[in-house]
Structure formats: C-alpha cells, structure tokens
Amino acid sequence: MEKNYSLKQIVITGSTRGIGYGLADAFLERGCSVTISGRNQETVDKAVTSLSKKHDPASILGQICDMCQPQQVKTLWDAVVSSFGKIDVWINNAGQSGPQQLVWKVAAQQAKEVIETNVLGVIYGSKTALEGMLKQGHGSLYNMEGMGSDGRKHNGLTLYGTSKYALTYFTDCLVNETKGTPLIIGAIRPGMVATELIKGQFADKPEEWERTKHIFNMLAERVEVVTPWLADRILANQKTGQRIIYMSTGRMMKRMLSMPFKKRNIFN
C-alpha cells in the first residue's frame, strides 16, 4: 500500500489489544507514527514489541495511561508531543463492556468502572486533546461508539449501551462547540468485531456461548478486516461531524443474504 501519511501522529487509547491494536497496526502500515496506551505497563510493552517486529520502532511510542485519571491523560499528551512534536489524530478507544448481566445483578463497583471508563475517560481524553489541538492549531478527535449508540437495546449490556448512547450525545455536542475552529470531531462505529470484548462476556457461560456464537459469526467481522477500512477513512476525512460506520445497512443485508451459502467461523 502506498504510504501518504508519513507525517501523521496518531494516539489511540486502549490500544494494547482488540480494535485499538488493529487500528495501530493499520495506521503504522500507512506510514503514520502511533502511540500505544493502556493501563498496564506489561501489556503496553508487549503491544509495542509485537508491532515493532512489523514496523519501524521509531514510529511507535508506548505510554501507560488510565483514562479515568486526568493527570495521566495529560501526561500521555505531553509524552507524545515530546516524542513526535504534535498530535494529528486522537482516538478515544479505551472502554469496558462489563459483565453480561441484568442491571440489578451487576456489582456496584463493576457498574462504576464501566461508566467511568466509557464516559468519564472519553471526557477526560477529549478535554486534554481539544485543549492541546486548539493550541497547536489543528487536529482530529474521534470517539469510539458501539452497541447502544444508535438507541438499540440488548439485555445484559444495559450499562455498556448506556455509556455508548451518552457518547453519541457527547460527540455531537463537541461538534457544535468546536464550530469555527480548525478541529475535526468525529465518531467511529466499527460494528460487531470479533474480540475478547465479545467472547469474554461468556467466559463463565460456555453453554450459552455455544447456543449464540452462530449469531456472532453471522454479524461480526475480524479485526484485521475492519481496522484497515476504518484507518483509511479516518486519514482521508476532512469534514467535522462525520460518523465512520463499517457495518452499514447495505453491508448487513448482503451479509445476511449470503449466510445460507457461506459458513463463517471468525472466532477461530
């Protein structure tokens, strides 16, 4: 692939695995510099080491960051600017799904962690990124939406869906508040992606997983398919207020029509 983005500096929160890691890999493949971040130093180092085997290590920075801690978020920004001089794209990807349980069965601490990470973490990340980008005079901010962003409900994932619905409102407000500035605000809807975020919900319910995995095989897609598509559109977008949606209605209909003729097992 031709690399036209060698000057782009990308920050992806929660990027030690899953969609965040896939996006990092895709951006690096396109000639960008990427900062990996996560709560745990060991997982950050592991991700950086893995990506460095495929890409130029000088283009990769690892930085520990708990998005629920505003000072750590500010430290993340400062570390990236110190290393690369600027930040062109900041992606608020860090999130938690929590257990797949009815609301009244979710422990208070688990509920707190989901809302803090998925809502407050994005608020802190956006605040830090927007302040820095306004000072440097440019930049794009994207929030990772998900199940619940469009108002659809799923029993057992009410807290997660609530947090993502809140992000839709929050992102739309950021678009309004940054009108007249050079900043680009957007959202990413990757659709259902085969990550541990899905399968992990059934870790202690193997029988339920066996009953429902055919649905995920029909509707979900692999990380390595989705993330390059998303990366291309993020890099090409020049318009604020855009939602980059992978699983469009047309793509979903095509997938469903092909299912009787094509068996999929994307969780292998």
C-alpha atoms as a PDB file:
ATOM      1  CA  MET A   1       0.000   0.000   0.000  1.00  0.00           C
ATOM      2  CA  GLU A   2       1.260   3.464  -0.857  1.00  0.00           C
ATOM      3  CA  LYS A   3       2.135   5.422   2.248  1.00  0.00           C
ATOM      4  CA  ASN A   4       0.957   9.002   2.042  1.00  0.00           C
ATOM      5  CA  TYR A   5       0.656   9.753   5.743  1.00  0.00           C
ATOM      6  CA  SER A   6       4.242   9.723   6.999  1.00  0.00           C
ATOM      7  CA  LEU A   7       3.700  12.978   8.896  1.00  0.00           C
ATOM      8  CA  LYS A   8       0.570  11.865  10.754  1.00  0.00           C
ATOM      9  CA  GLN A   9       0.933  11.313  14.505  1.00  0.00           C
ATOM     10  CA  ILE A  10      -1.819   9.112  15.925  1.00  0.00           C
ATOM     11  CA  VAL A  11      -2.806   8.463  19.554  1.00  0.00           C
ATOM     12  CA  ILE A  12      -5.091   5.512  20.312  1.00  0.00           C
ATOM     13  CA  THR A  13      -6.216   4.963  23.878  1.00  0.00           C
ATOM     14  CA  GLY A  14      -6.818   1.389  24.978  1.00  0.00           C
ATOM     15  CA  SER A  15      -4.717   0.068  22.105  1.00  0.00           C
ATOM     16  CA  THR A  16      -2.885  -2.921  23.571  1.00  0.00           C
ATOM     17  CA  ARG A  17      -5.376  -5.365  22.035  1.00  0.00           C
ATOM     18  CA  GLY A  18      -8.565  -5.677  20.006  1.00  0.00           C
ATOM     19  CA  ILE A  19      -9.753  -2.871  17.762  1.00  0.00           C
ATOM     20  CA  GLY A  20      -7.278  -0.380  19.230  1.00  0.00           C
ATOM     21  CA  TYR A  21      -4.322  -2.639  18.446  1.00  0.00           C
ATOM     22  CA  GLY A  22      -5.720  -3.368  14.983  1.00  0.00           C
ATOM     23  CA  LEU A  23      -6.023   0.344  14.270  1.00  0.00           C
ATOM     24  CA  ALA A  24      -2.453   0.904  15.449  1.00  0.00           C
ATOM     25  CA  ASP A  25      -1.221  -1.802  13.075  1.00  0.00           C
ATOM     26  CA  ALA A  26      -3.215  -0.315  10.190  1.00  0.00           C
ATOM     27  CA  PHE A  27      -2.003   3.255  10.771  1.00  0.00           C
ATOM     28  CA  LEU A  28       1.617   2.095  11.009  1.00  0.00           C
ATOM     29  CA  GLU A  29       1.175   0.192   7.747  1.00  0.00           C
ATOM     30  CA  ARG A  30       0.123   3.502   6.195  1.00  0.00           C
ATOM     31  CA  GLY A  31       3.278   5.292   7.333  1.00  0.00           C
ATOM     32  CA  CYS A  32       1.937   7.037  10.442  1.00  0.00           C
ATOM     33  CA  SER A  33       3.562   7.238  13.851  1.00  0.00           C
ATOM     34  CA  VAL A  34       1.411   5.689  16.559  1.00  0.00           C
ATOM     35  CA  THR A  35       1.238   5.883  20.333  1.00  0.00           C
ATOM     36  CA  ILE A  36       0.018   2.781  22.140  1.00  0.00           C
ATOM     37  CA  SER A  37      -1.565   3.270  25.549  1.00  0.00           C
ATOM     38  CA  GLY A  38      -3.179   1.143  28.214  1.00  0.00           C
ATOM     39  CA  ARG A  39      -3.473   0.844  31.974  1.00  0.00           C
ATOM     40  CA  ASN A  40      -0.847  -1.863  32.393  1.00  0.00           C
ATOM     41  CA  GLN A  41       2.830  -1.352  31.617  1.00  0.00           C
ATOM     42  CA  GLU A  42       3.340  -5.019  30.776  1.00  0.00           C
ATOM     43  CA  THR A  43       0.589  -5.075  28.156  1.00  0.00           C
ATOM     44  CA  VAL A  44       1.776  -1.760  26.684  1.00  0.00           C
ATOM     45  CA  ASP A  45       5.306  -3.123  26.351  1.00  0.00           C
ATOM     46  CA  LYS A  46       4.025  -6.359  24.829  1.00  0.00           C
ATOM     47  CA  ALA A  47       1.999  -4.488  22.201  1.00  0.00           C
ATOM     48  CA  VAL A  48       4.906  -2.190  21.324  1.00  0.00           C
ATOM     49  CA  THR A  49       7.263  -5.162  20.988  1.00  0.00           C
ATOM     50  CA  SER A  50       4.817  -7.006  18.757  1.00  0.00           C
ATOM     51  CA  LEU A  51       4.227  -4.027  16.475  1.00  0.00           C
ATOM     52  CA  SER A  52       7.948  -3.244  16.329  1.00  0.00           C
ATOM     53  CA  LYS A  53       8.547  -6.605  14.663  1.00  0.00           C
ATOM     54  CA  LYS A  54       6.423  -5.465  11.708  1.00  0.00           C
ATOM     55  CA  HIS A  55       7.007  -1.712  11.627  1.00  0.00           C
ATOM     56  CA  ASP A  56       9.697   0.890  12.259  1.00  0.00           C
ATOM     57  CA  PRO A  57      10.230   1.007  16.054  1.00  0.00           C
ATOM     58  CA  ALA A  58      10.998   4.728  15.796  1.00  0.00           C
ATOM     59  CA  SER A  59       7.373   5.264  14.742  1.00  0.00           C
ATOM     60  CA  ILE A  60       5.938   3.583  17.845  1.00  0.00           C
ATOM     61  CA  LEU A  61       5.616   5.003  21.348  1.00  0.00           C
ATOM     62  CA  GLY A  62       4.203   3.176  24.361  1.00  0.00           C
ATOM     63  CA  GLN A  63       2.723   5.114  27.265  1.00  0.00           C
ATOM     64  CA  ILE A  64       0.846   3.802  30.276  1.00  0.00           C
ATOM     65  CA  CYS A  65      -2.382   5.706  30.908  1.00  0.00           C
ATOM     66  CA  ASP A  66      -5.500   5.168  32.982  1.00  0.00           C
ATOM     67  CA  MET A  67      -8.081   7.301  31.174  1.00  0.00           C
ATOM     68  CA  CYS A  68     -10.005   7.723  34.428  1.00  0.00           C
ATOM     69  CA  GLN A  69      -7.070   9.713  35.831  1.00  0.00           C
ATOM     70  CA  PRO A  70      -6.970  13.220  34.267  1.00  0.00           C
ATOM     71  CA  GLN A  71      -3.326  13.792  35.172  1.00  0.00           C
ATOM     72  CA  GLN A  72      -2.283  10.574  33.444  1.00  0.00           C
ATOM     73  CA  VAL A  73      -4.201  11.664  30.352  1.00  0.00           C
ATOM     74  CA  LYS A  74      -2.337  14.968  30.363  1.00  0.00           C
ATOM     75  CA  THR A  75       0.935  13.085  30.786  1.00  0.00           C
ATOM     76  CA  LEU A  76       0.027  10.973  27.746  1.00  0.00           C
ATOM     77  CA  TRP A  77      -0.457  14.094  25.632  1.00  0.00           C
ATOM     78  CA  ASP A  78       2.807  15.624  26.835  1.00  0.00           C
ATOM     79  CA  ALA A  79       4.763  12.415  26.222  1.00  0.00           C
ATOM     80  CA  VAL A  80       3.552  12.163  22.631  1.00  0.00           C
ATOM     81  CA  VAL A  81       4.245  15.819  21.841  1.00  0.00           C
ATOM     82  CA  SER A  82       7.693  15.471  23.406  1.00  0.00           C
ATOM     83  CA  SER A  83       8.464  12.481  21.177  1.00  0.00           C
ATOM     84  CA  PHE A  84       6.751  13.436  17.910  1.00  0.00           C
ATOM     85  CA  GLY A  85       6.195  17.194  18.190  1.00  0.00           C
ATOM     86  CA  LYS A  86       2.439  17.172  17.595  1.00  0.00           C
ATOM     87  CA  ILE A  87      -0.709  15.021  17.574  1.00  0.00           C
ATOM     88  CA  ASP A  88      -2.784  14.891  14.410  1.00  0.00           C
ATOM     89  CA  VAL A  89      -5.388  12.309  15.393  1.00  0.00           C
ATOM     90  CA  TRP A  90      -6.556  11.323  18.872  1.00  0.00           C
ATOM     91  CA  ILE A  91      -8.863   8.293  19.139  1.00  0.00           C
ATOM     92  CA  ASN A  92     -10.745   7.669  22.384  1.00  0.00           C
ATOM     93  CA  ASN A  93     -10.968   3.896  22.137  1.00  0.00           C
ATOM     94  CA  ALA A  94     -10.421   2.695  25.725  1.00  0.00           C
ATOM     95  CA  GLY A  95     -13.544   1.061  27.106  1.00  0.00           C
ATOM     96  CA  GLN A  96     -15.046  -1.710  29.184  1.00  0.00           C
ATOM     97  CA  SER A  97     -18.060  -3.882  28.428  1.00  0.00           C
ATOM     98  CA  GLY A  98     -18.535  -5.160  31.964  1.00  0.00           C
ATOM     99  CA  PRO A  99     -20.282  -8.458  32.706  1.00  0.00           C
ATOM    100  CA  GLN A 100     -23.267  -9.520  30.611  1.00  0.00           C
ATOM    101  CA  GLN A 101     -25.837  -9.374  33.380  1.00  0.00           C
ATOM    102  CA  LEU A 102     -29.162  -7.768  34.147  1.00  0.00           C
ATOM    103  CA  VAL A 103     -28.627  -4.359  35.724  1.00  0.00           C
ATOM    104  CA  TRP A 104     -29.727  -5.287  39.236  1.00  0.00           C
ATOM    105  CA  LYS A 105     -27.259  -8.163  39.258  1.00  0.00           C
ATOM    106  CA  VAL A 106     -24.214  -6.075  38.343  1.00  0.00           C
ATOM    107  CA  ALA A 107     -21.971  -5.254  41.289  1.00  0.00           C
ATOM    108  CA  ALA A 108     -21.776  -1.553  42.125  1.00  0.00           C
ATOM    109  CA  GLN A 109     -18.018  -1.469  41.560  1.00  0.00           C
ATOM    110  CA  GLN A 110     -18.368  -3.071  38.129  1.00  0.00           C
ATOM    111  CA  ALA A 111     -21.040  -0.543  37.160  1.00  0.00           C
ATOM    112  CA  LYS A 112     -18.792   2.277  38.331  1.00  0.00           C
ATOM    113  CA  GLU A 113     -15.852   1.009  36.265  1.00  0.00           C
ATOM    114  CA  VAL A 114     -17.886   0.750  33.064  1.00  0.00           C
ATOM    115  CA  ILE A 115     -19.331   4.259  33.325  1.00  0.00           C
ATOM    116  CA  GLU A 116     -16.082   5.852  34.486  1.00  0.00           C
ATOM    117  CA  THR A 117     -14.017   4.291  31.711  1.00  0.00           C
ATOM    118  CA  ASN A 118     -16.506   4.646  28.871  1.00  0.00           C
ATOM    119  CA  VAL A 119     -17.863   8.091  29.707  1.00  0.00           C
ATOM    120  CA  LEU A 120     -15.539   9.972  32.056  1.00  0.00           C
ATOM    121  CA  GLY A 121     -12.478   8.507  30.332  1.00  0.00           C
ATOM    122  CA  VAL A 122     -13.681   9.852  26.992  1.00  0.00           C
ATOM    123  CA  ILE A 123     -14.500  13.220  28.541  1.00  0.00           C
ATOM    124  CA  TYR A 124     -11.017  13.499  30.062  1.00  0.00           C
ATOM    125  CA  GLY A 125      -9.405  12.366  26.815  1.00  0.00           C
ATOM    126  CA  SER A 126     -11.436  14.808  24.752  1.00  0.00           C
ATOM    127  CA  LYS A 127     -10.752  17.704  27.117  1.00  0.00           C
ATOM    128  CA  THR A 128      -6.999  17.120  27.003  1.00  0.00           C
ATOM    129  CA  ALA A 129      -6.910  16.551  23.246  1.00  0.00           C
ATOM    130  CA  LEU A 130      -9.060  19.557  22.365  1.00  0.00           C
ATOM    131  CA  GLU A 131      -7.081  21.918  24.591  1.00  0.00           C
ATOM    132  CA  GLY A 132      -3.835  20.735  23.016  1.00  0.00           C
ATOM    133  CA  MET A 133      -5.129  20.767  19.450  1.00  0.00           C
ATOM    134  CA  LEU A 134      -6.546  24.265  19.772  1.00  0.00           C
ATOM    135  CA  LYS A 135      -3.111  25.441  20.926  1.00  0.00           C
ATOM    136  CA  GLN A 136      -1.309  23.724  18.054  1.00  0.00           C
ATOM    137  CA  GLY A 137      -3.947  24.927  15.577  1.00  0.00           C
ATOM    138  CA  HIS A 138      -5.127  21.631  14.127  1.00  0.00           C
ATOM    139  CA  GLY A 139      -6.155  18.073  14.910  1.00  0.00           C
ATOM    140  CA  SER A 140      -8.852  15.430  14.670  1.00  0.00           C
ATOM    141  CA  LEU A 141     -10.646  13.753  17.576  1.00  0.00           C
ATOM    142  CA  TYR A 142     -12.659  10.539  17.209  1.00  0.00           C
ATOM    143  CA  ASN A 143     -14.752   8.766  19.822  1.00  0.00           C
ATOM    144  CA  MET A 144     -15.348   5.018  19.567  1.00  0.00           C
ATOM    145  CA  GLU A 145     -19.075   4.382  19.684  1.00  0.00           C
ATOM    146  CA  GLY A 146     -20.658   0.946  19.854  1.00  0.00           C
ATOM    147  CA  MET A 147     -23.706  -1.115  20.772  1.00  0.00           C
ATOM    148  CA  GLY A 148     -26.276   1.314  22.133  1.00  0.00           C
ATOM    149  CA  SER A 149     -25.028   4.367  20.251  1.00  0.00           C
ATOM    150  CA  ASP A 150     -27.995   4.206  17.888  1.00  0.00           C
ATOM    151  CA  GLY A 151     -30.505   3.543  20.674  1.00  0.00           C
ATOM    152  CA  ARG A 152     -30.869  -0.207  20.158  1.00  0.00           C
ATOM    153  CA  LYS A 153     -31.158  -2.263  23.354  1.00  0.00           C
ATOM    154  CA  HIS A 154     -29.536  -5.532  24.362  1.00  0.00           C
ATOM    155  CA  ASN A 155     -30.482  -7.273  27.594  1.00  0.00           C
ATOM    156  CA  GLY A 156     -27.450  -7.811  29.789  1.00  0.00           C
ATOM    157  CA  LEU A 157     -25.463  -4.963  28.258  1.00  0.00           C
ATOM    158  CA  THR A 158     -27.540  -2.062  29.535  1.00  0.00           C
ATOM    159  CA  LEU A 159     -24.666  -0.269  31.270  1.00  0.00           C
ATOM    160  CA  TYR A 160     -22.374  -0.595  28.261  1.00  0.00           C
ATOM    161  CA  GLY A 161     -25.142   0.552  25.904  1.00  0.00           C
ATOM    162  CA  THR A 162     -25.971   3.476  28.190  1.00  0.00           C
ATOM    163  CA  SER A 163     -22.362   4.619  28.114  1.00  0.00           C
ATOM    164  CA  LYS A 164     -22.195   4.423  24.311  1.00  0.00           C
ATOM    165  CA  TYR A 165     -25.518   6.251  23.919  1.00  0.00           C
ATOM    166  CA  ALA A 166     -24.057   9.000  26.097  1.00  0.00           C
ATOM    167  CA  LEU A 167     -21.020   9.194  23.806  1.00  0.00           C
ATOM    168  CA  THR A 168     -23.229   9.876  20.807  1.00  0.00           C
ATOM    169  CA  TYR A 169     -24.725  12.911  22.540  1.00  0.00           C
ATOM    170  CA  PHE A 170     -21.304  13.994  23.823  1.00  0.00           C
ATOM    171  CA  THR A 171     -19.684  13.761  20.392  1.00  0.00           C
ATOM    172  CA  ASP A 172     -22.497  15.699  18.718  1.00  0.00           C
ATOM    173  CA  CYS A 173     -22.085  18.437  21.329  1.00  0.00           C
ATOM    174  CA  LEU A 174     -18.342  18.601  20.693  1.00  0.00           C
ATOM    175  CA  VAL A 175     -19.077  19.135  17.002  1.00  0.00           C
ATOM    176  CA  ASN A 176     -21.268  22.117  17.913  1.00  0.00           C
ATOM    177  CA  GLU A 177     -18.846  23.554  20.461  1.00  0.00           C
ATOM    178  CA  THR A 178     -15.880  23.446  18.076  1.00  0.00           C
ATOM    179  CA  LYS A 179     -17.631  25.124  15.152  1.00  0.00           C
ATOM    180  CA  GLY A 180     -15.462  27.894  13.767  1.00  0.00           C
ATOM    181  CA  THR A 181     -12.255  26.150  14.829  1.00  0.00           C
ATOM    182  CA  PRO A 182      -9.859  24.155  12.616  1.00  0.00           C
ATOM    183  CA  LEU A 183     -10.603  20.951  14.541  1.00  0.00           C
ATOM    184  CA  ILE A 184     -12.353  17.872  13.170  1.00  0.00           C
ATOM    185  CA  ILE A 185     -14.639  15.916  15.512  1.00  0.00           C
ATOM    186  CA  GLY A 186     -15.965  12.509  14.562  1.00  0.00           C
ATOM    187  CA  ALA A 187     -17.155   9.124  15.737  1.00  0.00           C
ATOM    188  CA  ILE A 188     -16.295   5.552  14.793  1.00  0.00           C
ATOM    189  CA  ARG A 189     -18.811   2.720  14.671  1.00  0.00           C
ATOM    190  CA  PRO A 190     -16.920  -0.450  13.845  1.00  0.00           C
ATOM    191  CA  GLY A 191     -19.914  -2.738  14.169  1.00  0.00           C
ATOM    192  CA  MET A 192     -19.593  -6.101  15.856  1.00  0.00           C
ATOM    193  CA  VAL A 193     -15.939  -7.131  15.838  1.00  0.00           C
ATOM    194  CA  ALA A 194     -14.540 -10.494  16.937  1.00  0.00           C
ATOM    195  CA  THR A 195     -12.566  -9.501  20.020  1.00  0.00           C
ATOM    196  CA  GLU A 196     -12.350 -10.655  23.616  1.00  0.00           C
ATOM    197  CA  LEU A 197     -14.901  -7.925  24.381  1.00  0.00           C
ATOM    198  CA  ILE A 198     -17.497 -10.262  22.862  1.00  0.00           C
ATOM    199  CA  LYS A 199     -16.270 -13.717  23.787  1.00  0.00           C
ATOM    200  CA  GLY A 200     -15.169 -12.623  27.271  1.00  0.00           C
ATOM    201  CA  GLN A 201     -18.790 -11.946  28.199  1.00  0.00           C
ATOM    202  CA  PHE A 202     -19.403 -15.692  28.014  1.00  0.00           C
ATOM    203  CA  ALA A 203     -16.275 -16.783  29.889  1.00  0.00           C
ATOM    204  CA  ASP A 204     -18.295 -18.369  32.690  1.00  0.00           C
ATOM    205  CA  LYS A 205     -21.241 -19.336  30.443  1.00  0.00           C
ATOM    206  CA  PRO A 206     -19.843 -21.801  27.869  1.00  0.00           C
ATOM    207  CA  GLU A 207     -23.231 -23.378  27.145  1.00  0.00           C
ATOM    208  CA  GLU A 208     -24.757 -20.002  26.329  1.00  0.00           C
ATOM    209  CA  TRP A 209     -21.782 -19.230  24.067  1.00  0.00           C
ATOM    210  CA  GLU A 210     -22.374 -22.444  22.131  1.00  0.00           C
ATOM    211  CA  ARG A 211     -26.031 -21.500  21.671  1.00  0.00           C
ATOM    212  CA  THR A 212     -25.359 -17.958  20.468  1.00  0.00           C
ATOM    213  CA  LYS A 213     -21.997 -17.974  18.695  1.00  0.00           C
ATOM    214  CA  HIS A 214     -23.644 -18.619  15.311  1.00  0.00           C
ATOM    215  CA  ILE A 215     -25.258 -15.179  15.611  1.00  0.00           C
ATOM    216  CA  PHE A 216     -21.902 -13.542  16.196  1.00  0.00           C
ATOM    217  CA  ASN A 217     -20.399 -15.485  13.311  1.00  0.00           C
ATOM    218  CA  MET A 218     -23.120 -14.044  11.109  1.00  0.00           C
ATOM    219  CA  LEU A 219     -22.967 -10.431  12.275  1.00  0.00           C
ATOM    220  CA  ALA A 220     -19.373  -9.900  13.404  1.00  0.00           C
ATOM    221  CA  GLU A 221     -16.183  -9.326  11.444  1.00  0.00           C
ATOM    222  CA  ARG A 222     -12.491  -9.883  12.137  1.00  0.00           C
ATOM    223  CA  VAL A 223     -10.324  -7.061  13.480  1.00  0.00           C
ATOM    224  CA  GLU A 224      -7.903  -7.303  10.559  1.00  0.00           C
ATOM    225  CA  VAL A 225     -10.758  -6.721   8.106  1.00  0.00           C
ATOM    226  CA  VAL A 226     -12.411  -3.790   9.880  1.00  0.00           C
ATOM    227  CA  THR A 227      -9.469  -1.725  11.117  1.00  0.00           C
ATOM    228  CA  PRO A 228      -7.698  -1.040   7.783  1.00  0.00           C
ATOM    229  CA  TRP A 229     -11.023   0.137   6.354  1.00  0.00           C
ATOM    230  CA  LEU A 230     -11.517   2.457   9.333  1.00  0.00           C
ATOM    231  CA  ALA A 231      -7.947   3.769   9.214  1.00  0.00           C
ATOM    232  CA  ASP A 232      -8.246   4.751   5.544  1.00  0.00           C
ATOM    233  CA  ARG A 233     -11.403   6.735   6.177  1.00  0.00           C
ATOM    234  CA  ILE A 234     -10.092   8.433   9.301  1.00  0.00           C
ATOM    235  CA  LEU A 235      -6.991   9.591   7.447  1.00  0.00           C
ATOM    236  CA  ALA A 236      -8.980  10.771   4.440  1.00  0.00           C
ATOM    237  CA  ASN A 237     -11.737  12.599   6.339  1.00  0.00           C
ATOM    238  CA  GLN A 238     -11.599  16.380   6.212  1.00  0.00           C
ATOM    239  CA  LYS A 239     -15.113  17.133   7.473  1.00  0.00           C
ATOM    240  CA  THR A 240     -16.179  17.550  11.077  1.00  0.00           C
ATOM    241  CA  GLY A 241     -19.246  15.735  12.385  1.00  0.00           C
ATOM    242  CA  GLN A 242     -18.670  12.543  10.395  1.00  0.00           C
ATOM    243  CA  ARG A 243     -19.576   9.081  11.705  1.00  0.00           C
ATOM    244  CA  ILE A 244     -17.408   6.435  10.137  1.00  0.00           C
ATOM    245  CA  ILE A 245     -19.638   3.350  10.101  1.00  0.00           C
ATOM    246  CA  TYR A 246     -18.292  -0.012   8.978  1.00  0.00           C
ATOM    247  CA  MET A 247     -21.402  -2.181   9.221  1.00  0.00           C
ATOM    248  CA  SER A 248     -23.761  -0.167   7.064  1.00  0.00           C
ATOM    249  CA  THR A 249     -27.308  -1.310   6.382  1.00  0.00           C
ATOM    250  CA  GLY A 250     -26.304  -2.373   2.885  1.00  0.00           C
ATOM    251  CA  ARG A 251     -23.343  -4.410   4.111  1.00  0.00           C
ATOM    252  CA  MET A 252     -25.510  -6.033   6.791  1.00  0.00           C
ATOM    253  CA  MET A 253     -28.171  -7.039   4.264  1.00  0.00           C
ATOM    254  CA  LYS A 254     -25.544  -8.504   1.944  1.00  0.00           C
ATOM    255  CA  ARG A 255     -24.079 -10.472   4.841  1.00  0.00           C
ATOM    256  CA  MET A 256     -27.444 -11.888   5.884  1.00  0.00           C
ATOM    257  CA  LEU A 257     -28.378 -12.862   2.322  1.00  0.00           C
ATOM    258  CA  SER A 258     -25.115 -14.731   1.863  1.00  0.00           C
ATOM    259  CA  MET A 259     -25.276 -16.665   5.134  1.00  0.00           C
ATOM    260  CA  PRO A 260     -27.241 -19.680   3.786  1.00  0.00           C
ATOM    261  CA  PHE A 261     -24.449 -20.219   1.246  1.00  0.00           C
ATOM    262  CA  LYS A 262     -21.376 -19.300   3.263  1.00  0.00           C
ATOM    263  CA  LYS A 263     -20.435 -20.627   6.681  1.00  0.00           C
ATOM    264  CA  ARG A 264     -18.271 -18.373   8.833  1.00  0.00           C
ATOM    265  CA  ASN A 265     -16.248 -19.082  11.961  1.00  0.00           C
ATOM    266  CA  ILE A 266     -14.453 -15.863  12.752  1.00  0.00           C
ATOM    267  CA  PHE A 267     -13.584 -16.736  16.352  1.00  0.00           C
ATOM    268  CA  ASN A 268     -11.031 -19.434  15.441  1.00  0.00           C
END
